[in-house]
């Protein structure tokens, strides 16, 4: 089994900063991509940022220059540094891991999600 756990959400002020952390644990062989998604009330879940093993990144246009994703490959963790926060960044943020797990002496690729952490930005 694999667990993905986020932490670090909470209340921030417009123009301020928050840092989210994500840790994956379990029978992990390797993680291909870790990413952050968010879902605001009444909206679809969207990709905020992700990073693959080669450290290539993708960012949502609206967060470019404000948010930075990073990973610790050895510790199976990912972080999202959010600066210059805006009220429209308010959402539940989910960590996602595209990874290979060890099962019965074999490996299998799965997509695993955390439970989400609330980020609320006040104006």
C-alpha atoms as a PDB file:
ATOM      1  CA  UNK A   1       0.000   0.000   0.000  1.00  0.00           C
ATOM      2  CA  UNK A   2       1.017   3.576  -0.641  1.00  0.00           C
ATOM      3  CA  UNK A   3       0.126   6.617   1.369  1.00  0.00           C
ATOM      4  CA  UNK A   4       0.381  10.210   0.210  1.00  0.00           C
ATOM      5  CA  UNK A   5       0.005  12.808   2.934  1.00  0.00           C
ATOM      6  CA  UNK A   6      -0.098  16.572   2.544  1.00  0.00           C
ATOM      7  CA  UNK A   7       0.581  19.169   5.211  1.00  0.00           C
ATOM      8  CA  UNK A   8       1.094  22.882   5.504  1.00  0.00           C
ATOM      9  CA  UNK A   9      -2.202  24.307   4.361  1.00  0.00           C
ATOM     10  CA  UNK A  10      -4.086  26.922   6.264  1.00  0.00           C
ATOM     11  CA  UNK A  11      -4.945  30.584   6.178  1.00  0.00           C
ATOM     12  CA  UNK A  12      -2.761  33.062   4.341  1.00  0.00           C
ATOM     13  CA  UNK A  13      -3.031  36.690   3.464  1.00  0.00           C
ATOM     14  CA  UNK A  14      -2.965  38.199   0.018  1.00  0.00           C
ATOM     15  CA  UNK A  15       0.629  38.879  -0.857  1.00  0.00           C
ATOM     16  CA  UNK A  16       1.848  36.402   1.709  1.00  0.00           C
ATOM     17  CA  UNK A  17       3.356  32.939   1.488  1.00  0.00           C
ATOM     18  CA  UNK A  18       2.530  29.369   2.399  1.00  0.00           C
ATOM     19  CA  UNK A  19       4.478  26.169   1.918  1.00  0.00           C
ATOM     20  CA  UNK A  20       2.868  22.812   1.321  1.00  0.00           C
ATOM     21  CA  UNK A  21       4.589  19.502   1.908  1.00  0.00           C
ATOM     22  CA  UNK A  22       3.771  16.060   0.577  1.00  0.00           C
ATOM     23  CA  UNK A  23       5.232  12.751   1.669  1.00  0.00           C
ATOM     24  CA  UNK A  24       4.720   9.420  -0.055  1.00  0.00           C
ATOM     25  CA  UNK A  25       5.367   6.189   1.801  1.00  0.00           C
ATOM     26  CA  UNK A  26       4.839   2.457   1.418  1.00  0.00           C
ATOM     27  CA  UNK A  27       6.101  -0.198  -0.966  1.00  0.00           C
ATOM     28  CA  UNK A  28       7.485   2.352  -3.387  1.00  0.00           C
ATOM     29  CA  UNK A  29       9.940   1.321  -6.057  1.00  0.00           C
ATOM     30  CA  UNK A  30      10.279   4.741  -7.625  1.00  0.00           C
ATOM     31  CA  UNK A  31       8.198   7.856  -8.211  1.00  0.00           C
ATOM     32  CA  UNK A  32       7.952   9.178 -11.757  1.00  0.00           C
ATOM     33  CA  UNK A  33       6.131  12.450 -11.189  1.00  0.00           C
ATOM     34  CA  UNK A  34       4.875  14.300  -8.145  1.00  0.00           C
ATOM     35  CA  UNK A  35       2.471  17.129  -8.514  1.00  0.00           C
ATOM     36  CA  UNK A  36       0.058  19.479  -6.877  1.00  0.00           C
ATOM     37  CA  UNK A  37      -3.525  19.935  -7.982  1.00  0.00           C
ATOM     38  CA  UNK A  38      -6.206  22.167  -6.575  1.00  0.00           C
ATOM     39  CA  UNK A  39      -9.960  22.312  -6.582  1.00  0.00           C
ATOM     40  CA  UNK A  40     -11.954  25.385  -5.688  1.00  0.00           C
ATOM     41  CA  UNK A  41     -15.676  25.179  -4.819  1.00  0.00           C
ATOM     42  CA  UNK A  42     -17.748  24.665  -7.931  1.00  0.00           C
ATOM     43  CA  UNK A  43     -14.697  24.212 -10.144  1.00  0.00           C
ATOM     44  CA  UNK A  44     -12.874  21.265 -11.618  1.00  0.00           C
ATOM     45  CA  UNK A  45      -9.611  20.013 -10.210  1.00  0.00           C
ATOM     46  CA  UNK A  46      -6.664  21.560 -12.024  1.00  0.00           C
ATOM     47  CA  UNK A  47      -2.961  20.925 -12.188  1.00  0.00           C
ATOM     48  CA  UNK A  48      -0.990  23.573 -10.314  1.00  0.00           C
ATOM     49  CA  UNK A  49       2.527  22.224 -10.770  1.00  0.00           C
ATOM     50  CA  UNK A  50       4.367  18.974 -11.234  1.00  0.00           C
ATOM     51  CA  UNK A  51       7.911  17.725 -11.500  1.00  0.00           C
ATOM     52  CA  UNK A  52       9.221  14.496 -12.978  1.00  0.00           C
ATOM     53  CA  UNK A  53      12.352  12.566 -12.060  1.00  0.00           C
ATOM     54  CA  UNK A  54      14.405  14.603 -14.492  1.00  0.00           C
ATOM     55  CA  UNK A  55      13.283  17.744 -12.649  1.00  0.00           C
ATOM     56  CA  UNK A  56      11.229  18.962 -15.575  1.00  0.00           C
ATOM     57  CA  UNK A  57       8.352  21.077 -14.345  1.00  0.00           C
ATOM     58  CA  UNK A  58       4.955  22.233 -15.496  1.00  0.00           C
ATOM     59  CA  UNK A  59       3.049  25.125 -13.980  1.00  0.00           C
ATOM     60  CA  UNK A  60      -0.448  26.488 -14.276  1.00  0.00           C
ATOM     61  CA  UNK A  61      -0.152  29.817 -16.077  1.00  0.00           C
ATOM     62  CA  UNK A  62      -1.744  31.749 -13.236  1.00  0.00           C
ATOM     63  CA  UNK A  63       0.873  30.585 -10.707  1.00  0.00           C
ATOM     64  CA  UNK A  64       3.997  30.963 -12.835  1.00  0.00           C
ATOM     65  CA  UNK A  65       6.505  33.198 -11.116  1.00  0.00           C
ATOM     66  CA  UNK A  66       4.702  32.874  -7.784  1.00  0.00           C
ATOM     67  CA  UNK A  67       4.723  29.151  -6.970  1.00  0.00           C
ATOM     68  CA  UNK A  68       7.693  26.814  -6.993  1.00  0.00           C
ATOM     69  CA  UNK A  69       7.595  23.054  -6.835  1.00  0.00           C
ATOM     70  CA  UNK A  70      10.514  21.037  -5.528  1.00  0.00           C
ATOM     71  CA  UNK A  71      11.184  17.400  -4.761  1.00  0.00           C
ATOM     72  CA  UNK A  72      13.453  15.297  -2.615  1.00  0.00           C
ATOM     73  CA  UNK A  73      13.858  12.133  -4.672  1.00  0.00           C
ATOM     74  CA  UNK A  74      15.474  10.195  -1.836  1.00  0.00           C
ATOM     75  CA  UNK A  75      12.798  11.063   0.730  1.00  0.00           C
ATOM     76  CA  UNK A  76       9.837  10.719  -1.684  1.00  0.00           C
ATOM     77  CA  UNK A  77       8.654  14.179  -0.785  1.00  0.00           C
ATOM     78  CA  UNK A  78       7.463  17.201  -2.710  1.00  0.00           C
ATOM     79  CA  UNK A  79       6.940  20.788  -1.738  1.00  0.00           C
ATOM     80  CA  UNK A  80       5.008  23.721  -3.090  1.00  0.00           C
ATOM     81  CA  UNK A  81       6.262  27.148  -2.112  1.00  0.00           C
ATOM     82  CA  UNK A  82       3.467  29.618  -2.712  1.00  0.00           C
ATOM     83  CA  UNK A  83       4.401  33.295  -2.730  1.00  0.00           C
ATOM     84  CA  UNK A  84       2.440  36.421  -3.583  1.00  0.00           C
ATOM     85  CA  UNK A  85      -0.755  34.628  -2.691  1.00  0.00           C
ATOM     86  CA  UNK A  86      -4.034  35.802  -4.144  1.00  0.00           C
ATOM     87  CA  UNK A  87      -7.593  35.163  -2.946  1.00  0.00           C
ATOM     88  CA  UNK A  88      -8.177  33.161  -6.132  1.00  0.00           C
ATOM     89  CA  UNK A  89      -5.575  30.659  -4.915  1.00  0.00           C
ATOM     90  CA  UNK A  90      -8.095  29.539  -2.319  1.00  0.00           C
ATOM     91  CA  UNK A  91      -8.800  25.857  -2.859  1.00  0.00           C
ATOM     92  CA  UNK A  92      -8.191  22.383  -1.557  1.00  0.00           C
ATOM     93  CA  UNK A  93      -4.719  21.362  -2.676  1.00  0.00           C
ATOM     94  CA  UNK A  94      -4.027  17.734  -3.468  1.00  0.00           C
ATOM     95  CA  UNK A  95      -0.715  15.985  -3.871  1.00  0.00           C
ATOM     96  CA  UNK A  96      -0.434  13.359  -6.583  1.00  0.00           C
ATOM     97  CA  UNK A  97       2.240  10.750  -7.127  1.00  0.00           C
ATOM     98  CA  UNK A  98       2.651   8.745 -10.316  1.00  0.00           C
ATOM     99  CA  UNK A  99       4.735   5.884  -9.056  1.00  0.00           C
ATOM    100  CA  UNK A 100       5.799   2.253  -9.259  1.00  0.00           C
ATOM    101  CA  UNK A 101       4.965   0.009  -6.320  1.00  0.00           C
ATOM    102  CA  UNK A 102       6.469  -3.340  -5.393  1.00  0.00           C
ATOM    103  CA  UNK A 103       3.887  -6.126  -5.311  1.00  0.00           C
ATOM    104  CA  UNK A 104       4.601  -9.846  -5.172  1.00  0.00           C
ATOM    105  CA  UNK A 105       8.172  -9.466  -6.401  1.00  0.00           C
ATOM    106  CA  UNK A 106       6.957  -7.388  -9.316  1.00  0.00           C
ATOM    107  CA  UNK A 107       6.333  -3.711  -9.898  1.00  0.00           C
ATOM    108  CA  UNK A 108       3.139  -2.002 -10.897  1.00  0.00           C
ATOM    109  CA  UNK A 109       2.507   1.595 -11.852  1.00  0.00           C
ATOM    110  CA  UNK A 110      -0.225   3.435  -9.985  1.00  0.00           C
ATOM    111  CA  UNK A 111      -1.539   6.928  -9.437  1.00  0.00           C
ATOM    112  CA  UNK A 112      -1.906   7.871  -5.784  1.00  0.00           C
ATOM    113  CA  UNK A 113      -3.612  10.913  -4.223  1.00  0.00           C
ATOM    114  CA  UNK A 114      -3.441  12.561  -0.849  1.00  0.00           C
ATOM    115  CA  UNK A 115      -6.498  13.553   1.109  1.00  0.00           C
ATOM    116  CA  UNK A 116      -6.079  17.250   0.366  1.00  0.00           C
ATOM    117  CA  UNK A 117      -5.237  20.299   2.436  1.00  0.00           C
ATOM    118  CA  UNK A 118      -7.245  23.497   2.538  1.00  0.00           C
ATOM    119  CA  UNK A 119      -5.582  26.756   1.534  1.00  0.00           C
ATOM    120  CA  UNK A 120      -7.560  29.918   2.179  1.00  0.00           C
ATOM    121  CA  UNK A 121      -6.214  33.308   1.147  1.00  0.00           C
ATOM    122  CA  UNK A 122      -7.836  36.385   2.612  1.00  0.00           C
ATOM    123  CA  UNK A 123      -7.804  39.733   0.870  1.00  0.00           C
END
